[in-house]
Amino acid sequence: MTESSGIDSAVPPSGTGCAECLSNDGWWFHLRRCAECGHIGCCDSSPAQHASAHFTETGHPIVRSFEPGEDWFWHYGESQYYDGPALADPQSRPADQPVPGPAGNVPTDWQNHLN
């Protein structure tokens, strides 16, 4: 993959949590980072699936895991994993940020709400 294929390695992440969940008092299971614009959204197991919604709205096809220790990329249009370049720091959410998160917004029965 090249930077023209939906990856801009110079763009930093939009924050440390799902942008939409944070603005709506929602919560997430895991986080994904748009490799083109840096948008942080929640994964498809999360109730709101904001990373996939971002792809649908923008056409930005590639995300990278925003979880500590994970560096895989996923291409929504091709439905497959890729290896990709290092992106601008930070590489993941803070290691001390709870999963699921954010703290205070996660229901006690959160497992029942996963997709």
PDB file of N, CA and C in Angstrom:
ATOM      1  N   MET A   1       0.848  -1.179   0.000  1.00  0.00           N
ATOM      2  CA  MET A   1       0.000   0.000   0.000  1.00  0.00           C
ATOM      3  C   MET A   1       0.889   1.237   0.000  1.00  0.00           C
ATOM      4  N   THR A   2       0.425   2.267  -0.644  1.00  0.00           N
ATOM      5  CA  THR A   2       1.139   3.534  -0.658  1.00  0.00           C
ATOM      6  C   THR A   2       0.270   4.594  -0.014  1.00  0.00           C
ATOM      7  N   GLU A   3       0.866   5.747   0.247  1.00  0.00           N
ATOM      8  CA  GLU A   3       0.094   6.813   0.877  1.00  0.00           C
ATOM      9  C   GLU A   3      -1.062   7.257  -0.004  1.00  0.00           C
ATOM     10  N   SER A   4      -0.945   7.098  -1.315  1.00  0.00           N
ATOM     11  CA  SER A   4      -2.041   7.459  -2.201  1.00  0.00           C
ATOM     12  C   SER A   4      -3.195   6.458  -2.128  1.00  0.00           C
ATOM     13  N   SER A   5      -2.981   5.333  -1.478  1.00  0.00           N
ATOM     14  CA  SER A   5      -4.017   4.306  -1.399  1.00  0.00           C
ATOM     15  C   SER A   5      -4.859   4.401  -0.130  1.00  0.00           C
ATOM     16  N   GLY A   6      -4.876   5.540   0.523  1.00  0.00           N
ATOM     17  CA  GLY A   6      -5.714   5.715   1.697  1.00  0.00           C
ATOM     18  C   GLY A   6      -4.958   5.777   2.999  1.00  0.00           C
ATOM     19  N   ILE A   7      -3.643   5.958   2.943  1.00  0.00           N
ATOM     20  CA  ILE A   7      -2.848   6.071   4.157  1.00  0.00           C
ATOM     21  C   ILE A   7      -2.045   7.369   4.093  1.00  0.00           C
ATOM     22  N   ASP A   8      -2.178   8.179   5.128  1.00  0.00           N
ATOM     23  CA  ASP A   8      -1.339   9.370   5.271  1.00  0.00           C
ATOM     24  C   ASP A   8      -0.612   9.219   6.598  1.00  0.00           C
ATOM     25  N   SER A   9       0.630   8.795   6.553  1.00  0.00           N
ATOM     26  CA  SER A   9       1.372   8.484   7.773  1.00  0.00           C
ATOM     27  C   SER A   9       1.738   9.712   8.591  1.00  0.00           C
ATOM     28  N   ALA A  10       1.528  10.910   8.069  1.00  0.00           N
ATOM     29  CA  ALA A  10       1.874  12.133   8.794  1.00  0.00           C
ATOM     30  C   ALA A  10       0.733  12.673   9.656  1.00  0.00           C
ATOM     31  N   VAL A  11      -0.483  12.184   9.445  1.00  0.00           N
ATOM     32  CA  VAL A  11      -1.654  12.713  10.160  1.00  0.00           C
ATOM     33  C   VAL A  11      -1.759  12.081  11.543  1.00  0.00           C
ATOM     34  N   PRO A  12      -1.805  12.896  12.611  1.00  0.00           N
ATOM     35  CA  PRO A  12      -1.948  12.341  13.953  1.00  0.00           C
ATOM     36  C   PRO A  12      -3.380  11.889  14.226  1.00  0.00           C
ATOM     37  N   PRO A  13      -3.584  11.049  15.228  1.00  0.00           N
ATOM     38  CA  PRO A  13      -4.939  10.627  15.579  1.00  0.00           C
ATOM     39  C   PRO A  13      -5.755  11.799  16.114  1.00  0.00           C
ATOM     40  N   SER A  14      -7.066  11.698  15.953  1.00  0.00           N
ATOM     41  CA  SER A  14      -7.969  12.778  16.371  1.00  0.00           C
ATOM     42  C   SER A  14      -8.106  12.905  17.880  1.00  0.00           C
ATOM     43  N   GLY A  15      -7.671  11.926  18.621  1.00  0.00           N
ATOM     44  CA  GLY A  15      -7.775  11.953  20.076  1.00  0.00           C
ATOM     45  C   GLY A  15      -7.400  10.603  20.647  1.00  0.00           C
ATOM     46  N   THR A  16      -7.809  10.347  21.883  1.00  0.00           N
ATOM     47  CA  THR A  16      -7.478   9.082  22.532  1.00  0.00           C
ATOM     48  C   THR A  16      -8.678   8.152  22.664  1.00  0.00           C
ATOM     49  N   GLY A  17      -9.840   8.608  22.203  1.00  0.00           N
ATOM     50  CA  GLY A  17     -11.053   7.795  22.265  1.00  0.00           C
ATOM     51  C   GLY A  17     -11.922   8.059  21.061  1.00  0.00           C
ATOM     52  N   CYS A  18     -12.991   7.292  20.921  1.00  0.00           N
ATOM     53  CA  CYS A  18     -13.918   7.452  19.805  1.00  0.00           C
ATOM     54  C   CYS A  18     -14.520   8.856  19.838  1.00  0.00           C
ATOM     55  N   ALA A  19     -14.312   9.587  18.756  1.00  0.00           N
ATOM     56  CA  ALA A  19     -14.760  10.980  18.699  1.00  0.00           C
ATOM     57  C   ALA A  19     -16.264  11.099  18.922  1.00  0.00           C
ATOM     58  N   GLU A  20     -17.054  10.252  18.260  1.00  0.00           N
ATOM     59  CA  GLU A  20     -18.512  10.344  18.380  1.00  0.00           C
ATOM     60  C   GLU A  20     -18.999   9.869  19.743  1.00  0.00           C
ATOM     61  N   CYS A  21     -18.437   8.783  20.265  1.00  0.00           N
ATOM     62  CA  CYS A  21     -18.846   8.303  21.589  1.00  0.00           C
ATOM     63  C   CYS A  21     -18.565   9.361  22.657  1.00  0.00           C
ATOM     64  N   LEU A  22     -17.413  10.000  22.566  1.00  0.00           N
ATOM     65  CA  LEU A  22     -17.080  11.030  23.549  1.00  0.00           C
ATOM     66  C   LEU A  22     -18.035  12.215  23.470  1.00  0.00           C
ATOM     67  N   SER A  23     -18.480  12.568  22.275  1.00  0.00           N
ATOM     68  CA  SER A  23     -19.383  13.707  22.136  1.00  0.00           C
ATOM     69  C   SER A  23     -20.825  13.360  22.497  1.00  0.00           C
ATOM     70  N   ASN A  24     -21.147  12.063  22.554  1.00  0.00           N
ATOM     71  CA  ASN A  24     -22.518  11.628  22.846  1.00  0.00           C
ATOM     72  C   ASN A  24     -22.653  10.844  24.141  1.00  0.00           C
ATOM     73  N   ASP A  25     -21.643  10.888  25.001  1.00  0.00           N
ATOM     74  CA  ASP A  25     -21.642  10.114  26.249  1.00  0.00           C
ATOM     75  C   ASP A  25     -21.811   8.618  25.998  1.00  0.00           C
ATOM     76  N   GLY A  26     -21.283   8.135  24.863  1.00  0.00           N
ATOM     77  CA  GLY A  26     -21.324   6.717  24.540  1.00  0.00           C
ATOM     78  C   GLY A  26     -20.108   5.991  25.097  1.00  0.00           C
ATOM     79  N   TRP A  27     -19.928   4.756  24.673  1.00  0.00           N
ATOM     80  CA  TRP A  27     -18.788   3.951  25.114  1.00  0.00           C
ATOM     81  C   TRP A  27     -18.388   3.007  23.987  1.00  0.00           C
ATOM     82  N   TRP A  28     -17.178   2.485  24.102  1.00  0.00           N
ATOM     83  CA  TRP A  28     -16.626   1.615  23.068  1.00  0.00           C
ATOM     84  C   TRP A  28     -15.962   0.398  23.680  1.00  0.00           C
ATOM     85  N   PHE A  29     -15.781  -0.615  22.836  1.00  0.00           N
ATOM     86  CA  PHE A  29     -15.044  -1.814  23.219  1.00  0.00           C
ATOM     87  C   PHE A  29     -13.573  -1.652  22.806  1.00  0.00           C
ATOM     88  N   HIS A  30     -13.314  -1.537  21.506  1.00  0.00           N
ATOM     89  CA  HIS A  30     -11.962  -1.285  21.006  1.00  0.00           C
ATOM     90  C   HIS A  30     -11.985  -0.118  20.032  1.00  0.00           C
ATOM     91  N   LEU A  31     -10.808   0.437  19.782  1.00  0.00           N
ATOM     92  CA  LEU A  31     -10.709   1.637  18.945  1.00  0.00           C
ATOM     93  C   LEU A  31      -9.976   1.360  17.639  1.00  0.00           C
ATOM     94  N   ARG A  32     -10.394   2.075  16.593  1.00  0.00           N
ATOM     95  CA  ARG A  32      -9.782   2.003  15.271  1.00  0.00           C
ATOM     96  C   ARG A  32      -9.441   3.421  14.821  1.00  0.00           C
ATOM     97  N   ARG A  33      -8.330   3.527  14.084  1.00  0.00           N
ATOM     98  CA  ARG A  33      -7.834   4.821  13.614  1.00  0.00           C
ATOM     99  C   ARG A  33      -7.884   4.861  12.095  1.00  0.00           C
ATOM    100  N   CYS A  34      -8.541   5.867  11.532  1.00  0.00           N
ATOM    101  CA  CYS A  34      -8.557   6.033  10.089  1.00  0.00           C
ATOM    102  C   CYS A  34      -7.135   6.347   9.638  1.00  0.00           C
ATOM    103  N   ALA A  35      -6.619   5.547   8.715  1.00  0.00           N
ATOM    104  CA  ALA A  35      -5.242   5.719   8.260  1.00  0.00           C
ATOM    105  C   ALA A  35      -5.095   6.911   7.324  1.00  0.00           C
ATOM    106  N   GLU A  36      -6.205   7.467   6.872  1.00  0.00           N
ATOM    107  CA  GLU A  36      -6.144   8.608   5.961  1.00  0.00           C
ATOM    108  C   GLU A  36      -6.251   9.940   6.683  1.00  0.00           C
ATOM    109  N   CYS A  37      -7.184  10.067   7.638  1.00  0.00           N
ATOM    110  CA  CYS A  37      -7.400  11.369   8.283  1.00  0.00           C
ATOM    111  C   CYS A  37      -7.165  11.361   9.792  1.00  0.00           C
ATOM    112  N   GLY A  38      -6.926  10.189  10.393  1.00  0.00           N
ATOM    113  CA  GLY A  38      -6.653  10.111  11.822  1.00  0.00           C
ATOM    114  C   GLY A  38      -7.867   9.982  12.719  1.00  0.00           C
ATOM    115  N   HIS A  39      -9.083   9.984  12.144  1.00  0.00           N
ATOM    116  CA  HIS A  39     -10.305   9.866  12.951  1.00  0.00           C
ATOM    117  C   HIS A  39     -10.249   8.607  13.809  1.00  0.00           C
ATOM    118  N   ILE A  40     -10.552   8.759  15.092  1.00  0.00           N
ATOM    119  CA  ILE A  40     -10.644   7.610  15.993  1.00  0.00           C
ATOM    120  C   ILE A  40     -12.116   7.262  16.157  1.00  0.00           C
ATOM    121  N   GLY A  41     -12.438   6.004  15.835  1.00  0.00           N
ATOM    122  CA  GLY A  41     -13.795   5.514  15.968  1.00  0.00           C
ATOM    123  C   GLY A  41     -13.793   4.169  16.677  1.00  0.00           C
ATOM    124  N   CYS A  42     -14.975   3.759  17.112  1.00  0.00           N
ATOM    125  CA  CYS A  42     -15.084   2.486  17.822  1.00  0.00           C
ATOM    126  C   CYS A  42     -15.273   1.341  16.832  1.00  0.00           C
ATOM    127  N   CYS A  43     -14.845   0.151  17.250  1.00  0.00           N
ATOM    128  CA  CYS A  43     -14.826  -1.036  16.391  1.00  0.00           C
ATOM    129  C   CYS A  43     -16.233  -1.571  16.128  1.00  0.00           C
ATOM    130  N   ASP A  44     -16.308  -2.554  15.241  1.00  0.00           N
ATOM    131  CA  ASP A  44     -17.596  -3.142  14.884  1.00  0.00           C
ATOM    132  C   ASP A  44     -18.209  -3.992  15.987  1.00  0.00           C
ATOM    133  N   SER A  45     -17.449  -4.351  17.022  1.00  0.00           N
ATOM    134  CA  SER A  45     -18.026  -5.040  18.177  1.00  0.00           C
ATOM    135  C   SER A  45     -18.679  -4.043  19.134  1.00  0.00           C
ATOM    136  N   SER A  46     -18.313  -2.777  19.034  1.00  0.00           N
ATOM    137  CA  SER A  46     -18.878  -1.721  19.878  1.00  0.00           C
ATOM    138  C   SER A  46     -20.318  -1.445  19.459  1.00  0.00           C
ATOM    139  N   PRO A  47     -21.147  -0.971  20.390  1.00  0.00           N
ATOM    140  CA  PRO A  47     -22.553  -0.738  20.058  1.00  0.00           C
ATOM    141  C   PRO A  47     -22.771   0.204  18.869  1.00  0.00           C
ATOM    142  N   ALA A  48     -21.994   1.268  18.744  1.00  0.00           N
ATOM    143  CA  ALA A  48     -22.265   2.275  17.720  1.00  0.00           C
ATOM    144  C   ALA A  48     -21.463   2.102  16.428  1.00  0.00           C
ATOM    145  N   GLN A  49     -20.400   1.334  16.429  1.00  0.00           N
ATOM    146  CA  GLN A  49     -19.622   1.031  15.225  1.00  0.00           C
ATOM    147  C   GLN A  49     -19.226   2.285  14.432  1.00  0.00           C
ATOM    148  N   HIS A  50     -18.671   3.266  15.126  1.00  0.00           N
ATOM    149  CA  HIS A  50     -18.349   4.541  14.485  1.00  0.00           C
ATOM    150  C   HIS A  50     -17.211   4.471  13.467  1.00  0.00           C
ATOM    151  N   ALA A  51     -16.268   3.548  13.606  1.00  0.00           N
ATOM    152  CA  ALA A  51     -15.192   3.444  12.611  1.00  0.00           C
ATOM    153  C   ALA A  51     -15.762   3.031  11.252  1.00  0.00           C
ATOM    154  N   SER A  52     -16.646   2.043  11.232  1.00  0.00           N
ATOM    155  CA  SER A  52     -17.294   1.633   9.978  1.00  0.00           C
ATOM    156  C   SER A  52     -18.163   2.753   9.423  1.00  0.00           C
ATOM    157  N   ALA A  53     -18.865   3.453  10.295  1.00  0.00           N
ATOM    158  CA  ALA A  53     -19.696   4.583   9.849  1.00  0.00           C
ATOM    159  C   ALA A  53     -18.832   5.664   9.211  1.00  0.00           C
ATOM    160  N   HIS A  54     -17.641   5.890   9.762  1.00  0.00           N
ATOM    161  CA  HIS A  54     -16.723   6.871   9.183  1.00  0.00           C
ATOM    162  C   HIS A  54     -16.336   6.453   7.763  1.00  0.00           C
ATOM    163  N   PHE A  55     -16.037   5.183   7.552  1.00  0.00           N
ATOM    164  CA  PHE A  55     -15.733   4.682   6.209  1.00  0.00           C
ATOM    165  C   PHE A  55     -16.911   4.938   5.270  1.00  0.00           C
ATOM    166  N   THR A  56     -18.117   4.612   5.709  1.00  0.00           N
ATOM    167  CA  THR A  56     -19.308   4.792   4.873  1.00  0.00           C
ATOM    168  C   THR A  56     -19.510   6.257   4.511  1.00  0.00           C
ATOM    169  N   GLU A  57     -19.300   7.141   5.477  1.00  0.00           N
ATOM    170  CA  GLU A  57     -19.520   8.576   5.257  1.00  0.00           C
ATOM    171  C   GLU A  57     -18.431   9.229   4.417  1.00  0.00           C
ATOM    172  N   THR A  58     -17.177   8.799   4.579  1.00  0.00           N
ATOM    173  CA  THR A  58     -16.055   9.498   3.949  1.00  0.00           C
ATOM    174  C   THR A  58     -15.441   8.747   2.774  1.00  0.00           C
ATOM    175  N   GLY A  59     -15.617   7.424   2.732  1.00  0.00           N
ATOM    176  CA  GLY A  59     -14.947   6.622   1.729  1.00  0.00           C
ATOM    177  C   GLY A  59     -13.505   6.309   2.077  1.00  0.00           C
ATOM    178  N   HIS A  60     -13.042   6.698   3.272  1.00  0.00           N
ATOM    179  CA  HIS A  60     -11.675   6.366   3.713  1.00  0.00           C
ATOM    180  C   HIS A  60     -11.655   4.877   4.047  1.00  0.00           C
ATOM    181  N   PRO A  61     -10.977   4.060   3.246  1.00  0.00           N
ATOM    182  CA  PRO A  61     -11.150   2.610   3.337  1.00  0.00           C
ATOM    183  C   PRO A  61     -10.303   1.870   4.367  1.00  0.00           C
ATOM    184  N   ILE A  62      -9.252   2.511   4.902  1.00  0.00           N
ATOM    185  CA  ILE A  62      -8.287   1.754   5.711  1.00  0.00           C
ATOM    186  C   ILE A  62      -8.245   2.276   7.144  1.00  0.00           C
ATOM    187  N   VAL A  63      -8.329   1.349   8.082  1.00  0.00           N
ATOM    188  CA  VAL A  63      -8.153   1.679   9.499  1.00  0.00           C
ATOM    189  C   VAL A  63      -6.992   0.877  10.049  1.00  0.00           C
ATOM    190  N   ARG A  64      -6.465   1.371  11.136  1.00  0.00           N
ATOM    191  CA  ARG A  64      -5.424   0.650  11.879  1.00  0.00           C
ATOM    192  C   ARG A  64      -5.943   0.486  13.297  1.00  0.00           C
ATOM    193  N   SER A  65      -5.629  -0.616  13.918  1.00  0.00           N
ATOM    194  CA  SER A  65      -5.993  -0.781  15.315  1.00  0.00           C
ATOM    195  C   SER A  65      -5.373   0.353  16.121  1.00  0.00           C
ATOM    196  N   PHE A  66      -6.117   0.863  17.086  1.00  0.00           N
ATOM    197  CA  PHE A  66      -5.608   1.908  17.974  1.00  0.00           C
ATOM    198  C   PHE A  66      -5.483   1.341  19.391  1.00  0.00           C
ATOM    199  N   GLU A  67      -5.265   0.028  19.454  1.00  0.00           N
ATOM    200  CA  GLU A  67      -5.084  -0.665  20.724  1.00  0.00           C
ATOM    201  C   GLU A  67      -3.589  -0.897  20.972  1.00  0.00           C
ATOM    202  N   PRO A  68      -3.143  -0.779  22.236  1.00  0.00           N
ATOM    203  CA  PRO A  68      -1.727  -0.998  22.549  1.00  0.00           C
ATOM    204  C   PRO A  68      -1.255  -2.375  22.078  1.00  0.00           C
ATOM    205  N   GLY A  69      -0.082  -2.401  21.452  1.00  0.00           N
ATOM    206  CA  GLY A  69       0.511  -3.659  21.012  1.00  0.00           C
ATOM    207  C   GLY A  69      -0.022  -4.201  19.702  1.00  0.00           C
ATOM    208  N   GLU A  70      -0.979  -3.520  19.074  1.00  0.00           N
ATOM    209  CA  GLU A  70      -1.537  -3.975  17.801  1.00  0.00           C
ATOM    210  C   GLU A  70      -1.142  -2.994  16.701  1.00  0.00           C
ATOM    211  N   ASP A  71      -0.706  -3.536  15.560  1.00  0.00           N
ATOM    212  CA  ASP A  71      -0.309  -2.649  14.463  1.00  0.00           C
ATOM    213  C   ASP A  71      -0.891  -3.075  13.112  1.00  0.00           C
ATOM    214  N   TRP A  72      -1.973  -3.837  13.129  1.00  0.00           N
ATOM    215  CA  TRP A  72      -2.586  -4.305  11.898  1.00  0.00           C
ATOM    216  C   TRP A  72      -3.488  -3.240  11.275  1.00  0.00           C
ATOM    217  N   PHE A  73      -3.622  -3.346   9.965  1.00  0.00           N
ATOM    218  CA  PHE A  73      -4.503  -2.474   9.183  1.00  0.00           C
ATOM    219  C   PHE A  73      -5.627  -3.320   8.600  1.00  0.00           C
ATOM    220  N   TRP A  74      -6.801  -2.729   8.436  1.00  0.00           N
ATOM    221  CA  TRP A  74      -7.948  -3.395   7.820  1.00  0.00           C
ATOM    222  C   TRP A  74      -8.459  -2.515   6.689  1.00  0.00           C
ATOM    223  N   HIS A  75      -8.717  -3.119   5.546  1.00  0.00           N
ATOM    224  CA  HIS A  75      -9.264  -2.409   4.392  1.00  0.00           C
ATOM    225  C   HIS A  75     -10.735  -2.775   4.285  1.00  0.00           C
ATOM    226  N   TYR A  76     -11.625  -1.809   4.564  1.00  0.00           N
ATOM    227  CA  TYR A  76     -13.058  -2.095   4.538  1.00  0.00           C
ATOM    228  C   TYR A  76     -13.532  -2.527   3.156  1.00  0.00           C
ATOM    229  N   GLY A  77     -13.079  -1.836   2.108  1.00  0.00           N
ATOM    230  CA  GLY A  77     -13.533  -2.151   0.759  1.00  0.00           C
ATOM    231  C   GLY A  77     -13.126  -3.532   0.291  1.00  0.00           C
ATOM    232  N   GLU A  78     -11.960  -4.000   0.713  1.00  0.00           N
ATOM    233  CA  GLU A  78     -11.455  -5.310   0.290  1.00  0.00           C
ATOM    234  C   GLU A  78     -11.675  -6.392   1.342  1.00  0.00           C
ATOM    235  N   SER A  79     -12.144  -6.004   2.525  1.00  0.00           N
ATOM    236  CA  SER A  79     -12.400  -6.939   3.632  1.00  0.00           C
ATOM    237  C   SER A  79     -11.203  -7.830   3.917  1.00  0.00           C
ATOM    238  N   GLN A  80     -10.033  -7.197   4.069  1.00  0.00           N
ATOM    239  CA  GLN A  80      -8.849  -7.975   4.419  1.00  0.00           C
ATOM    240  C   GLN A  80      -7.853  -7.138   5.203  1.00  0.00           C
ATOM    241  N   TYR A  81      -6.992  -7.877   5.916  1.00  0.00           N
ATOM    242  CA  TYR A  81      -5.938  -7.257   6.719  1.00  0.00           C
ATOM    243  C   TYR A  81      -4.735  -6.930   5.855  1.00  0.00           C
ATOM    244  N   TYR A  82      -3.978  -5.927   6.296  1.00  0.00           N
ATOM    245  CA  TYR A  82      -2.750  -5.521   5.627  1.00  0.00           C
ATOM    246  C   TYR A  82      -1.693  -5.181   6.661  1.00  0.00           C
ATOM    247  N   ASP A  83      -0.440  -5.214   6.227  1.00  0.00           N
ATOM    248  CA  ASP A  83       0.651  -4.591   6.964  1.00  0.00           C
ATOM    249  C   ASP A  83       0.767  -3.188   6.384  1.00  0.00           C
ATOM    250  N   GLY A  84       1.149  -2.240   7.201  1.00  0.00           N
ATOM    251  CA  GLY A  84       1.276  -0.873   6.708  1.00  0.00           C
ATOM    252  C   GLY A  84       2.396  -0.153   7.409  1.00  0.00           C
ATOM    253  N   PRO A  85       2.592   1.108   7.060  1.00  0.00           N
ATOM    254  CA  PRO A  85       3.681   1.894   7.631  1.00  0.00           C
ATOM    255  C   PRO A  85       3.364   2.371   9.046  1.00  0.00           C
ATOM    256  N   ALA A  86       4.392   2.810   9.731  1.00  0.00           N
ATOM    257  CA  ALA A  86       4.185   3.464  11.021  1.00  0.00           C
ATOM    258  C   ALA A  86       3.410   4.753  10.770  1.00  0.00           C
ATOM    259  N   LEU A  87       2.475   5.045  11.632  1.00  0.00           N
ATOM    260  CA  LEU A  87       1.707   6.283  11.527  1.00  0.00           C
ATOM    261  C   LEU A  87       2.221   7.279  12.552  1.00  0.00           C
ATOM    262  N   ALA A  88       1.792   8.522  12.433  1.00  0.00           N
ATOM    263  CA  ALA A  88       2.195   9.560  13.379  1.00  0.00           C
ATOM    264  C   ALA A  88       1.789   9.160  14.795  1.00  0.00           C
ATOM    265  N   ASP A  89       2.615   9.491  15.764  1.00  0.00           N
ATOM    266  CA  ASP A  89       2.327   9.194  17.168  1.00  0.00           C
ATOM    267  C   ASP A  89       1.143  10.007  17.673  1.00  0.00           C
ATOM    268  N   PRO A  90       0.452   9.478  18.685  1.00  0.00           N
ATOM    269  CA  PRO A  90       0.675   8.199  19.340  1.00  0.00           C
ATOM    270  C   PRO A  90       0.135   7.039  18.511  1.00  0.00           C
ATOM    271  N   GLN A  91       0.712   5.865  18.729  1.00  0.00           N
ATOM    272  CA  GLN A  91       0.360   4.673  17.972  1.00  0.00           C
ATOM    273  C   GLN A  91      -0.893   3.980  18.495  1.00  0.00           C
ATOM    274  N   SER A  92      -1.279   4.305  19.736  1.00  0.00           N
ATOM    275  CA  SER A  92      -2.447   3.655  20.335  1.00  0.00           C
ATOM    276  C   SER A  92      -3.040   4.555  21.408  1.00  0.00           C
ATOM    277  N   ARG A  93      -4.192   4.129  21.890  1.00  0.00           N
ATOM    278  CA  ARG A  93      -4.795   4.801  23.045  1.00  0.00           C
ATOM    279  C   ARG A  93      -3.830   4.650  24.209  1.00  0.00           C
ATOM    280  N   PRO A  94      -3.955   5.488  25.251  1.00  0.00           N
ATOM    281  CA  PRO A  94      -3.096   5.314  26.423  1.00  0.00           C
ATOM    282  C   PRO A  94      -3.289   3.932  27.049  1.00  0.00           C
ATOM    283  N   ALA A  95      -2.205   3.302  27.435  1.00  0.00           N
ATOM    284  CA  ALA A  95      -2.268   1.955  28.002  1.00  0.00           C
ATOM    285  C   ALA A  95      -3.093   1.904  29.285  1.00  0.00           C
ATOM    286  N   ASP A  96      -3.170   3.017  30.003  1.00  0.00           N
ATOM    287  CA  ASP A  96      -3.936   3.030  31.249  1.00  0.00           C
ATOM    288  C   ASP A  96      -5.410   3.388  31.039  1.00  0.00           C
ATOM    289  N   GLN A  97      -5.827   3.590  29.803  1.00  0.00           N
ATOM    290  CA  GLN A  97      -7.234   3.857  29.499  1.00  0.00           C
ATOM    291  C   GLN A  97      -7.993   2.537  29.560  1.00  0.00           C
ATOM    292  N   PRO A  98      -9.095   2.473  30.292  1.00  0.00           N
ATOM    293  CA  PRO A  98      -9.788   1.188  30.465  1.00  0.00           C
ATOM    294  C   PRO A  98     -10.414   0.664  29.178  1.00  0.00           C
ATOM    295  N   VAL A  99     -10.561  -0.653  29.123  1.00  0.00           N
ATOM    296  CA  VAL A  99     -11.260  -1.342  28.042  1.00  0.00           C
ATOM    297  C   VAL A  99     -12.348  -2.184  28.678  1.00  0.00           C
ATOM    298  N   PRO A 100     -13.605  -2.012  28.305  1.00  0.00           N
ATOM    299  CA  PRO A 100     -14.075  -0.955  27.424  1.00  0.00           C
ATOM    300  C   PRO A 100     -13.969   0.412  28.083  1.00  0.00           C
ATOM    301  N   GLY A 101     -14.220   1.443  27.327  1.00  0.00           N
ATOM    302  CA  GLY A 101     -14.078   2.803  27.834  1.00  0.00           C
ATOM    303  C   GLY A 101     -15.105   3.724  27.213  1.00  0.00           C
ATOM    304  N   PRO A 102     -15.147   4.951  27.624  1.00  0.00           N
ATOM    305  CA  PRO A 102     -14.314   5.536  28.663  1.00  0.00           C
ATOM    306  C   PRO A 102     -14.876   5.245  30.043  1.00  0.00           C
ATOM    307  N   ALA A 103     -14.022   5.378  31.032  1.00  0.00           N
ATOM    308  CA  ALA A 103     -14.434   5.136  32.420  1.00  0.00           C
ATOM    309  C   ALA A 103     -15.651   5.998  32.735  1.00  0.00           C
ATOM    310  N   GLY A 104     -16.628   5.402  33.402  1.00  0.00           N
ATOM    311  CA  GLY A 104     -17.826   6.123  33.810  1.00  0.00           C
ATOM    312  C   GLY A 104     -18.979   6.029  32.829  1.00  0.00           C
ATOM    313  N   ASN A 105     -18.739   5.621  31.592  1.00  0.00           N
ATOM    314  CA  ASN A 105     -19.815   5.530  30.607  1.00  0.00           C
ATOM    315  C   ASN A 105     -20.206   4.098  30.263  1.00  0.00           C
ATOM    316  N   VAL A 106     -19.436   3.131  30.722  1.00  0.00           N
ATOM    317  CA  VAL A 106     -19.656   1.739  30.342  1.00  0.00           C
ATOM    318  C   VAL A 106     -20.680   1.099  31.281  1.00  0.00           C
ATOM    319  N   PRO A 107     -21.755   0.515  30.728  1.00  0.00           N
ATOM    320  CA  PRO A 107     -22.747  -0.129  31.594  1.00  0.00           C
ATOM    321  C   PRO A 107     -22.171  -1.388  32.239  1.00  0.00           C
ATOM    322  N   THR A 108     -22.695  -1.753  33.385  1.00  0.00           N
ATOM    323  CA  THR A 108     -22.195  -2.926  34.093  1.00  0.00           C
ATOM    324  C   THR A 108     -22.408  -4.212  33.300  1.00  0.00           C
ATOM    325  N   ASP A 109     -23.416  -4.245  32.455  1.00  0.00           N
ATOM    326  CA  ASP A 109     -23.684  -5.425  31.631  1.00  0.00           C
ATOM    327  C   ASP A 109     -23.188  -5.226  30.197  1.00  0.00           C
ATOM    328  N   TRP A 110     -22.048  -4.564  30.040  1.00  0.00           N
ATOM    329  CA  TRP A 110     -21.539  -4.174  28.728  1.00  0.00           C
ATOM    330  C   TRP A 110     -21.390  -5.348  27.756  1.00  0.00           C
ATOM    331  N   GLN A 111     -21.079  -6.550  28.261  1.00  0.00           N
ATOM    332  CA  GLN A 111     -20.925  -7.699  27.371  1.00  0.00           C
ATOM    333  C   GLN A 111     -22.200  -7.990  26.592  1.00  0.00           C
ATOM    334  N   ASN A 112     -23.350  -7.685  27.195  1.00  0.00           N
ATOM    335  CA  ASN A 112     -24.643  -7.929  26.539  1.00  0.00           C
ATOM    336  C   ASN A 112     -24.921  -6.948  25.414  1.00  0.00           C
ATOM    337  N   HIS A 113     -24.109  -5.897  25.282  1.00  0.00           N
ATOM    338  CA  HIS A 113     -24.353  -4.854  24.285  1.00  0.00           C
ATOM    339  C   HIS A 113     -23.392  -4.913  23.107  1.00  0.00           C
ATOM    340  N   LEU A 114     -22.468  -5.873  23.123  1.00  0.00           N
ATOM    341  CA  LEU A 114     -21.512  -5.988  22.014  1.00  0.00           C
ATOM    342  C   LEU A 114     -22.183  -6.572  20.781  1.00  0.00           C
ATOM    343  N   ASN A 115     -21.685  -6.192  19.635  1.00  0.00           N
ATOM    344  CA  ASN A 115     -22.196  -6.726  18.361  1.00  0.00           C
ATOM    345  C   ASN A 115     -21.422  -7.971  17.986  1.00  0.00           C
TER     346      ASN A 115
END
